[in-house]
C-alpha atoms as a PDB file:
ATOM      1  CA  UNK A   1      61.032 100.556 169.752  1.00  0.00           C
ATOM      2  CA  UNK A   2      60.865  96.866 168.851  1.00  0.00           C
ATOM      3  CA  UNK A   3      62.352  94.000 170.870  1.00  0.00           C
ATOM      4  CA  UNK A   4      65.393  93.720 168.612  1.00  0.00           C
ATOM      5  CA  UNK A   5      66.289  97.371 169.110  1.00  0.00           C
ATOM      6  CA  UNK A   6      65.761  97.069 172.867  1.00  0.00           C
ATOM      7  CA  UNK A   7      68.109  94.086 173.045  1.00  0.00           C
ATOM      8  CA  UNK A   8      70.703  95.863 170.923  1.00  0.00           C
ATOM      9  CA  UNK A   9      70.533  98.893 173.211  1.00  0.00           C
ATOM     10  CA  UNK A  10      70.925  96.705 176.283  1.00  0.00           C
ATOM     11  CA  UNK A  11      73.967  94.945 174.815  1.00  0.00           C
ATOM     12  CA  UNK A  12      75.583  98.266 173.904  1.00  0.00           C
ATOM     13  CA  UNK A  13      75.065  99.575 177.445  1.00  0.00           C
ATOM     14  CA  UNK A  14      76.507  96.406 178.957  1.00  0.00           C
ATOM     15  CA  UNK A  15      79.506  96.588 176.638  1.00  0.00           C
ATOM     16  CA  UNK A  16      80.042 100.261 177.478  1.00  0.00           C
ATOM     17  CA  UNK A  17      79.965  99.418 181.180  1.00  0.00           C
ATOM     18  CA  UNK A  18      82.546  96.698 180.616  1.00  0.00           C
ATOM     19  CA  UNK A  19      84.876  99.016 178.679  1.00  0.00           C
ATOM     20  CA  UNK A  20      84.475 101.732 181.311  1.00  0.00           C
ATOM     21  CA  UNK A  21      85.255  99.244 184.071  1.00  0.00           C
ATOM     22  CA  UNK A  22      88.627  98.491 182.482  1.00  0.00           C
ATOM     23  CA  UNK A  23      89.464 102.142 181.788  1.00  0.00           C
ATOM     24  CA  UNK A  24      92.640 103.388 183.496  1.00  0.00           C
ATOM     25  CA  UNK A  25      91.937 107.018 184.404  1.00  0.00           C
ATOM     26  CA  UNK A  26      95.680 107.642 184.603  1.00  0.00           C
ATOM     27  CA  UNK A  27      95.826 106.987 180.845  1.00  0.00           C
ATOM     28  CA  UNK A  28      92.935 109.304 179.937  1.00  0.00           C
ATOM     29  CA  UNK A  29      93.862 112.244 177.660  1.00  0.00           C
ATOM     30  CA  UNK A  30      93.812 115.548 179.506  1.00  0.00           C
ATOM     31  CA  UNK A  31      92.842 117.586 176.431  1.00  0.00           C
ATOM     32  CA  UNK A  32      90.474 116.225 173.773  1.00  0.00           C
ATOM     33  CA  UNK A  33      89.692 118.015 170.537  1.00  0.00           C
ATOM     34  CA  UNK A  34      86.507 117.073 168.707  1.00  0.00           C
ATOM     35  CA  UNK A  35      85.675 117.606 165.033  1.00  0.00           C
ATOM     36  CA  UNK A  36      81.908 117.133 165.256  1.00  0.00           C
ATOM     37  CA  UNK A  37      81.187 116.061 161.724  1.00  0.00           C
ATOM     38  CA  UNK A  38      78.146 114.518 160.042  1.00  0.00           C
ATOM     39  CA  UNK A  39      75.155 116.575 161.212  1.00  0.00           C
ATOM     40  CA  UNK A  40      73.843 117.150 157.696  1.00  0.00           C
ATOM     41  CA  UNK A  41      74.391 113.572 156.570  1.00  0.00           C
ATOM     42  CA  UNK A  42      72.704 112.282 159.720  1.00  0.00           C
ATOM     43  CA  UNK A  43      69.685 114.457 158.975  1.00  0.00           C
ATOM     44  CA  UNK A  44      69.561 113.360 155.348  1.00  0.00           C
ATOM     45  CA  UNK A  45      69.709 109.683 156.344  1.00  0.00           C
ATOM     46  CA  UNK A  46      66.865 110.301 158.798  1.00  0.00           C
ATOM     47  CA  UNK A  47      64.796 112.065 156.138  1.00  0.00           C
ATOM     48  CA  UNK A  48      64.952 115.310 158.103  1.00  0.00           C
ATOM     49  CA  UNK A  49      66.143 118.880 157.557  1.00  0.00           C
ATOM     50  CA  UNK A  50      69.670 120.255 157.812  1.00  0.00           C
ATOM     51  CA  UNK A  51      68.583 122.496 160.683  1.00  0.00           C
ATOM     52  CA  UNK A  52      67.287 119.464 162.568  1.00  0.00           C
ATOM     53  CA  UNK A  53      70.666 117.792 162.048  1.00  0.00           C
ATOM     54  CA  UNK A  54      72.475 120.790 163.517  1.00  0.00           C
ATOM     55  CA  UNK A  55      70.045 120.854 166.457  1.00  0.00           C
ATOM     56  CA  UNK A  56      70.637 117.162 167.117  1.00  0.00           C
ATOM     57  CA  UNK A  57      74.401 117.741 166.997  1.00  0.00           C
ATOM     58  CA  UNK A  58      74.077 120.612 169.463  1.00  0.00           C
ATOM     59  CA  UNK A  59      72.021 118.458 171.819  1.00  0.00           C
ATOM     60  CA  UNK A  60      74.838 115.892 171.911  1.00  0.00           C
ATOM     61  CA  UNK A  61      77.376 118.351 173.328  1.00  0.00           C
ATOM     62  CA  UNK A  62      76.260 118.445 176.978  1.00  0.00           C
ATOM     63  CA  UNK A  63      76.004 114.663 177.038  1.00  0.00           C
ATOM     64  CA  UNK A  64      79.532 114.384 175.640  1.00  0.00           C
ATOM     65  CA  UNK A  65      80.912 116.831 178.206  1.00  0.00           C
ATOM     66  CA  UNK A  66      79.245 114.781 180.925  1.00  0.00           C
ATOM     67  CA  UNK A  67      81.185 111.724 179.770  1.00  0.00           C
ATOM     68  CA  UNK A  68      84.386 113.789 179.810  1.00  0.00           C
ATOM     69  CA  UNK A  69      83.658 114.902 183.374  1.00  0.00           C
ATOM     70  CA  UNK A  70      83.182 111.285 184.466  1.00  0.00           C
ATOM     71  CA  UNK A  71      86.565 110.281 183.018  1.00  0.00           C
ATOM     72  CA  UNK A  72      88.686 113.177 184.381  1.00  0.00           C
ATOM     73  CA  UNK A  73      89.279 115.002 181.100  1.00  0.00           C
ATOM     74  CA  UNK A  74      90.410 118.568 181.858  1.00  0.00           C
ATOM     75  CA  UNK A  75      90.139 120.449 178.548  1.00  0.00           C
ATOM     76  CA  UNK A  76      87.819 119.911 175.579  1.00  0.00           C
ATOM     77  CA  UNK A  77      87.918 121.823 172.307  1.00  0.00           C
ATOM     78  CA  UNK A  78      84.716 121.605 170.269  1.00  0.00           C
ATOM     79  CA  UNK A  79      84.846 122.715 166.642  1.00  0.00           C
ATOM     80  CA  UNK A  80      81.430 124.282 166.131  1.00  0.00           C
ATOM     81  CA  UNK A  81      82.005 126.547 163.127  1.00  0.00           C
ATOM     82  CA  UNK A  82      84.968 126.869 160.783  1.00  0.00           C
ATOM     83  CA  UNK A  83      85.897 129.948 158.780  1.00  0.00           C
ATOM     84  CA  UNK A  84      84.908 127.963 155.658  1.00  0.00           C
ATOM     85  CA  UNK A  85      81.454 127.283 157.150  1.00  0.00           C
ATOM     86  CA  UNK A  86      80.763 131.014 157.025  1.00  0.00           C
ATOM     87  CA  UNK A  87      80.538 130.696 153.220  1.00  0.00           C
ATOM     88  CA  UNK A  88      77.491 128.427 153.439  1.00  0.00           C
ATOM     89  CA  UNK A  89      74.162 129.571 152.040  1.00  0.00           C
ATOM     90  CA  UNK A  90      72.298 132.112 154.172  1.00  0.00           C
ATOM     91  CA  UNK A  91      69.373 129.700 154.515  1.00  0.00           C
ATOM     92  CA  UNK A  92      71.628 127.281 156.418  1.00  0.00           C
ATOM     93  CA  UNK A  93      74.054 129.685 158.064  1.00  0.00           C
ATOM     94  CA  UNK A  94      71.548 131.923 159.852  1.00  0.00           C
ATOM     95  CA  UNK A  95      69.809 129.046 161.717  1.00  0.00           C
ATOM     96  CA  UNK A  96      73.202 127.438 162.403  1.00  0.00           C
ATOM     97  CA  UNK A  97      74.517 130.622 164.038  1.00  0.00           C
ATOM     98  CA  UNK A  98      71.391 130.749 166.174  1.00  0.00           C
ATOM     99  CA  UNK A  99      71.927 127.149 167.265  1.00  0.00           C
ATOM    100  CA  UNK A 100      75.560 127.864 168.108  1.00  0.00           C
ATOM    101  CA  UNK A 101      74.543 130.894 170.148  1.00  0.00           C
ATOM    102  CA  UNK A 102      72.081 128.696 172.057  1.00  0.00           C
ATOM    103  CA  UNK A 103      74.856 126.146 172.698  1.00  0.00           C
ATOM    104  CA  UNK A 104      77.173 128.781 174.143  1.00  0.00           C
ATOM    105  CA  UNK A 105      74.483 130.176 176.438  1.00  0.00           C
ATOM    106  CA  UNK A 106      73.452 126.681 177.557  1.00  0.00           C
ATOM    107  CA  UNK A 107      77.016 125.694 178.416  1.00  0.00           C
ATOM    108  CA  UNK A 108      77.472 128.863 180.445  1.00  0.00           C
ATOM    109  CA  UNK A 109      74.151 128.408 182.265  1.00  0.00           C
ATOM    110  CA  UNK A 110      74.954 124.793 183.166  1.00  0.00           C
ATOM    111  CA  UNK A 111      77.525 125.901 185.727  1.00  0.00           C
ATOM    112  CA  UNK A 112      79.841 122.912 185.381  1.00  0.00           C
ATOM    113  CA  UNK A 113      82.194 124.193 182.682  1.00  0.00           C
ATOM    114  CA  UNK A 114      84.402 127.173 181.926  1.00  0.00           C
ATOM    115  CA  UNK A 115      83.758 128.486 178.420  1.00  0.00           C
ATOM    116  CA  UNK A 116      86.515 129.956 176.270  1.00  0.00           C
ATOM    117  CA  UNK A 117      86.217 131.101 172.666  1.00  0.00           C
ATOM    118  CA  UNK A 118      88.877 130.101 170.155  1.00  0.00           C
ATOM    119  CA  UNK A 119      88.558 131.715 166.765  1.00  0.00           C
ATOM    120  CA  UNK A 120      88.399 135.143 165.164  1.00  0.00           C
ATOM    121  CA  UNK A 121      85.535 137.088 166.777  1.00  0.00           C
ATOM    122  CA  UNK A 122      85.714 139.873 164.206  1.00  0.00           C
ATOM    123  CA  UNK A 123      84.250 137.678 161.455  1.00  0.00           C
ATOM    124  CA  UNK A 124      81.230 136.695 163.565  1.00  0.00           C
ATOM    125  CA  UNK A 125      77.901 138.551 163.850  1.00  0.00           C
ATOM    126  CA  UNK A 126      77.661 140.926 166.799  1.00  0.00           C
ATOM    127  CA  UNK A 127      75.027 138.820 168.585  1.00  0.00           C
ATOM    128  CA  UNK A 128      77.328 135.777 168.506  1.00  0.00           C
ATOM    129  CA  UNK A 129      80.248 137.868 169.761  1.00  0.00           C
ATOM    130  CA  UNK A 130      78.072 139.130 172.625  1.00  0.00           C
ATOM    131  CA  UNK A 131      76.992 135.599 173.576  1.00  0.00           C
ATOM    132  CA  UNK A 132      80.610 134.425 173.624  1.00  0.00           C
ATOM    133  CA  UNK A 133      81.758 137.313 175.823  1.00  0.00           C
ATOM    134  CA  UNK A 134      78.857 136.817 178.230  1.00  0.00           C
ATOM    135  CA  UNK A 135      79.608 133.086 178.483  1.00  0.00           C
ATOM    136  CA  UNK A 136      83.301 133.664 179.143  1.00  0.00           C
ATOM    137  CA  UNK A 137      82.597 136.331 181.768  1.00  0.00           C
ATOM    138  CA  UNK A 138      79.940 134.222 183.484  1.00  0.00           C
ATOM    139  CA  UNK A 139      82.135 131.117 183.777  1.00  0.00           C
ATOM    140  CA  UNK A 140      85.567 132.606 184.394  1.00  0.00           C
ATOM    141  CA  UNK A 141      85.631 131.312 187.992  1.00  0.00           C
ATOM    142  CA  UNK A 142      84.069 127.902 187.317  1.00  0.00           C
ATOM    143  CA  UNK A 143      86.250 125.035 188.537  1.00  0.00           C
ATOM    144  CA  UNK A 144      85.369 122.462 185.892  1.00  0.00           C
ATOM    145  CA  UNK A 145      86.349 121.346 182.440  1.00  0.00           C
ATOM    146  CA  UNK A 146      87.710 124.154 180.280  1.00  0.00           C
ATOM    147  CA  UNK A 147      85.555 124.040 177.159  1.00  0.00           C
ATOM    148  CA  UNK A 148      87.037 125.751 174.128  1.00  0.00           C
ATOM    149  CA  UNK A 149      84.288 126.578 171.648  1.00  0.00           C
ATOM    150  CA  UNK A 150      85.945 126.892 168.237  1.00  0.00           C
ATOM    151  CA  UNK A 151      83.657 129.280 166.373  1.00  0.00           C
ATOM    152  CA  UNK A 152      84.815 131.177 163.309  1.00  0.00           C
ATOM    153  CA  UNK A 153      87.939 129.036 163.615  1.00  0.00           C
ATOM    154  CA  UNK A 154      90.539 128.081 161.012  1.00  0.00           C
ATOM    155  CA  UNK A 155      93.940 126.573 161.741  1.00  0.00           C
ATOM    156  CA  UNK A 156      95.845 128.703 159.265  1.00  0.00           C
ATOM    157  CA  UNK A 157      93.971 131.806 160.390  1.00  0.00           C
ATOM    158  CA  UNK A 158      94.953 131.054 163.985  1.00  0.00           C
ATOM    159  CA  UNK A 159      98.653 130.903 163.096  1.00  0.00           C
ATOM    160  CA  UNK A 160      98.387 134.103 161.054  1.00  0.00           C
ATOM    161  CA  UNK A 161      96.618 135.830 163.952  1.00  0.00           C
ATOM    162  CA  UNK A 162      99.286 134.566 166.363  1.00  0.00           C
ATOM    163  CA  UNK A 163     102.081 136.026 164.246  1.00  0.00           C
ATOM    164  CA  UNK A 164     100.152 139.299 163.924  1.00  0.00           C
ATOM    165  CA  UNK A 165      99.614 139.416 167.693  1.00  0.00           C
ATOM    166  CA  UNK A 166     103.306 138.740 168.271  1.00  0.00           C
ATOM    167  CA  UNK A 167     104.309 141.623 165.981  1.00  0.00           C
ATOM    168  CA  UNK A 168     101.801 144.043 167.517  1.00  0.00           C
ATOM    169  CA  UNK A 169     102.936 143.089 171.025  1.00  0.00           C
ATOM    170  CA  UNK A 170     106.557 143.701 170.071  1.00  0.00           C
ATOM    171  CA  UNK A 171     105.675 147.070 168.561  1.00  0.00           C
ATOM    172  CA  UNK A 172     103.786 148.095 171.728  1.00  0.00           C
ATOM    173  CA  UNK A 173     106.888 147.266 173.763  1.00  0.00           C
ATOM    174  CA  UNK A 174     109.186 149.174 171.389  1.00  0.00           C
ATOM    175  CA  UNK A 175     110.980 145.996 170.292  1.00  0.00           C
ATOM    176  CA  UNK A 176     112.685 146.294 166.917  1.00  0.00           C
ATOM    177  CA  UNK A 177     111.877 143.848 164.127  1.00  0.00           C
ATOM    178  CA  UNK A 178     115.457 142.610 164.273  1.00  0.00           C
ATOM    179  CA  UNK A 179     115.186 141.854 167.983  1.00  0.00           C
ATOM    180  CA  UNK A 180     111.803 140.222 167.441  1.00  0.00           C
ATOM    181  CA  UNK A 181     113.240 137.999 164.723  1.00  0.00           C
ATOM    182  CA  UNK A 182     115.983 136.916 167.113  1.00  0.00           C
ATOM    183  CA  UNK A 183     113.482 136.086 169.854  1.00  0.00           C
ATOM    184  CA  UNK A 184     110.972 134.098 167.754  1.00  0.00           C
ATOM    185  CA  UNK A 185     110.592 130.557 169.059  1.00  0.00           C
ATOM    186  CA  UNK A 186     108.023 127.773 169.109  1.00  0.00           C
ATOM    187  CA  UNK A 187     107.078 128.729 172.682  1.00  0.00           C
ATOM    188  CA  UNK A 188     106.677 132.398 171.804  1.00  0.00           C
ATOM    189  CA  UNK A 189     104.336 131.663 168.907  1.00  0.00           C
ATOM    190  CA  UNK A 190     102.465 129.174 171.068  1.00  0.00           C
ATOM    191  CA  UNK A 191     101.738 131.830 173.697  1.00  0.00           C
ATOM    192  CA  UNK A 192      99.993 133.949 171.054  1.00  0.00           C
ATOM    193  CA  UNK A 193      97.668 131.212 169.805  1.00  0.00           C
ATOM    194  CA  UNK A 194      93.974 131.285 170.702  1.00  0.00           C
ATOM    195  CA  UNK A 195      94.635 128.573 173.291  1.00  0.00           C
ATOM    196  CA  UNK A 196      97.486 130.505 174.902  1.00  0.00           C
ATOM    197  CA  UNK A 197      99.012 128.654 177.833  1.00  0.00           C
ATOM    198  CA  UNK A 198      96.676 125.660 177.586  1.00  0.00           C
ATOM    199  CA  UNK A 199      98.085 122.151 177.127  1.00  0.00           C
ATOM    200  CA  UNK A 200      98.024 120.847 173.567  1.00  0.00           C
ATOM    201  CA  UNK A 201      95.393 118.238 172.668  1.00  0.00           C
ATOM    202  CA  UNK A 202      96.395 114.671 173.451  1.00  0.00           C
ATOM    203  CA  UNK A 203      93.588 113.167 171.400  1.00  0.00           C
ATOM    204  CA  UNK A 204      91.516 114.419 168.466  1.00  0.00           C
ATOM    205  CA  UNK A 205      88.250 112.639 167.681  1.00  0.00           C
ATOM    206  CA  UNK A 206      86.562 113.089 164.307  1.00  0.00           C
ATOM    207  CA  UNK A 207      83.185 111.576 163.606  1.00  0.00           C
ATOM    208  CA  UNK A 208      81.420 110.660 160.312  1.00  0.00           C
ATOM    209  CA  UNK A 209      84.212 108.533 158.832  1.00  0.00           C
ATOM    210  CA  UNK A 210      86.237 111.384 157.338  1.00  0.00           C
ATOM    211  CA  UNK A 211      89.978 110.983 157.952  1.00  0.00           C
ATOM    212  CA  UNK A 212      91.411 114.472 157.736  1.00  0.00           C
ATOM    213  CA  UNK A 213      91.992 117.422 160.072  1.00  0.00           C
ATOM    214  CA  UNK A 214      90.495 120.083 157.782  1.00  0.00           C
ATOM    215  CA  UNK A 215      92.733 122.686 159.443  1.00  0.00           C
ATOM    216  CA  UNK A 216      91.802 121.876 163.053  1.00  0.00           C
ATOM    217  CA  UNK A 217      94.418 123.136 165.533  1.00  0.00           C
ATOM    218  CA  UNK A 218      97.255 122.653 163.069  1.00  0.00           C
ATOM    219  CA  UNK A 219      99.916 123.950 165.458  1.00  0.00           C
ATOM    220  CA  UNK A 220      98.688 122.314 168.658  1.00  0.00           C
ATOM    221  CA  UNK A 221      98.075 118.822 167.242  1.00  0.00           C
ATOM    222  CA  UNK A 222     101.681 118.215 166.161  1.00  0.00           C
ATOM    223  CA  UNK A 223     101.948 115.312 168.631  1.00  0.00           C
ATOM    224  CA  UNK A 224      98.265 114.469 169.106  1.00  0.00           C
ATOM    225  CA  UNK A 225      96.754 111.054 168.562  1.00  0.00           C
ATOM    226  CA  UNK A 226      93.800 110.809 166.174  1.00  0.00           C
ATOM    227  CA  UNK A 227      90.687 108.677 166.412  1.00  0.00           C
ATOM    228  CA  UNK A 228      88.363 108.514 163.400  1.00  0.00           C
ATOM    229  CA  UNK A 229      84.875 107.200 164.077  1.00  0.00           C
ATOM    230  CA  UNK A 230      82.381 106.119 161.401  1.00  0.00           C
ATOM    231  CA  UNK A 231      79.283 107.269 163.284  1.00  0.00           C
ATOM    232  CA  UNK A 232      77.766 110.703 162.582  1.00  0.00           C
ATOM    233  CA  UNK A 233      78.106 113.193 165.450  1.00  0.00           C
ATOM    234  CA  UNK A 234      74.404 113.279 166.505  1.00  0.00           C
ATOM    235  CA  UNK A 235      74.516 109.465 166.853  1.00  0.00           C
ATOM    236  CA  UNK A 236      77.807 109.418 168.800  1.00  0.00           C
ATOM    237  CA  UNK A 237      77.365 107.215 171.884  1.00  0.00           C
ATOM    238  CA  UNK A 238      79.163 106.813 175.169  1.00  0.00           C
ATOM    239  CA  UNK A 239      80.495 103.459 173.957  1.00  0.00           C
ATOM    240  CA  UNK A 240      82.067 105.252 170.967  1.00  0.00           C
ATOM    241  CA  UNK A 241      83.703 107.721 173.348  1.00  0.00           C
ATOM    242  CA  UNK A 242      85.012 104.944 175.583  1.00  0.00           C
ATOM    243  CA  UNK A 243      86.414 103.094 172.571  1.00  0.00           C
ATOM    244  CA  UNK A 244      88.319 106.243 171.632  1.00  0.00           C
ATOM    245  CA  UNK A 245      89.784 106.459 175.139  1.00  0.00           C
ATOM    246  CA  UNK A 246      90.679 102.763 175.119  1.00  0.00           C
ATOM    247  CA  UNK A 247      92.363 103.116 171.743  1.00  0.00           C
ATOM    248  CA  UNK A 248      94.306 106.148 172.989  1.00  0.00           C
ATOM    249  CA  UNK A 249      95.466 104.322 176.140  1.00  0.00           C
ATOM    250  CA  UNK A 250      96.794 101.443 174.045  1.00  0.00           C
ATOM    251  CA  UNK A 251      99.071 103.657 171.983  1.00  0.00           C
ATOM    252  CA  UNK A 252     102.715 104.399 172.833  1.00  0.00           C
ATOM    253  CA  UNK A 253     103.383 108.108 172.470  1.00  0.00           C
ATOM    254  CA  UNK A 254     107.037 108.651 171.565  1.00  0.00           C
ATOM    255  CA  UNK A 255     107.034 112.361 170.599  1.00  0.00           C
ATOM    256  CA  UNK A 256     109.614 111.608 167.930  1.00  0.00           C
ATOM    257  CA  UNK A 257     111.871 109.650 170.281  1.00  0.00           C
END
């Protein structure tokens, strides 16, 4: 590392410390959703492989959760694999699933976080399903950040699954379709989502410069604030995270009022 890079790194750290010093923890979002985008483009820019990009993105996760712990965030939803991602070429998908499995096991072994899967397990390979169940079982009593790992996740699929679950539940209870139709409400549908009784995201961060949700938590993000960051996910820094929190704190959330 040359002198210029060392000075730049020092200035960034000093700036991050300054932003953190002015951060009001009372204004920190309780639930943050993250669309971790840009792994492949980061790898391409670095002259590396797609698999290396996914590995670098995976390595960023524990660091990010550490920042969340320091700032009193309570729930984090990490979008690791969408339903559309499952259509990628086998040469990319197989290593990616292995990396995701490693991430889930690492988070569970860390001991600081409670792991919860959001997504459709039936469309995932059996070894990934097993890793998810083991992680959830191993961390069920952990008193730390609730980490939702969105794997095999699609926003429209989640809503469809919620409606299906609602109908099946009504049928199991002997409720008629007419009575079910009368009882349908926003709260009822919400209870059947993958996130169940969790609070909705307050803030959604998307890296890589893209400014779209791509189907991420379509129902839950109705009143969320969005923060779009130019940097690719593997290069996401603490100062970028703190800027997102500062930007969120400066907004006035009216919820339609």
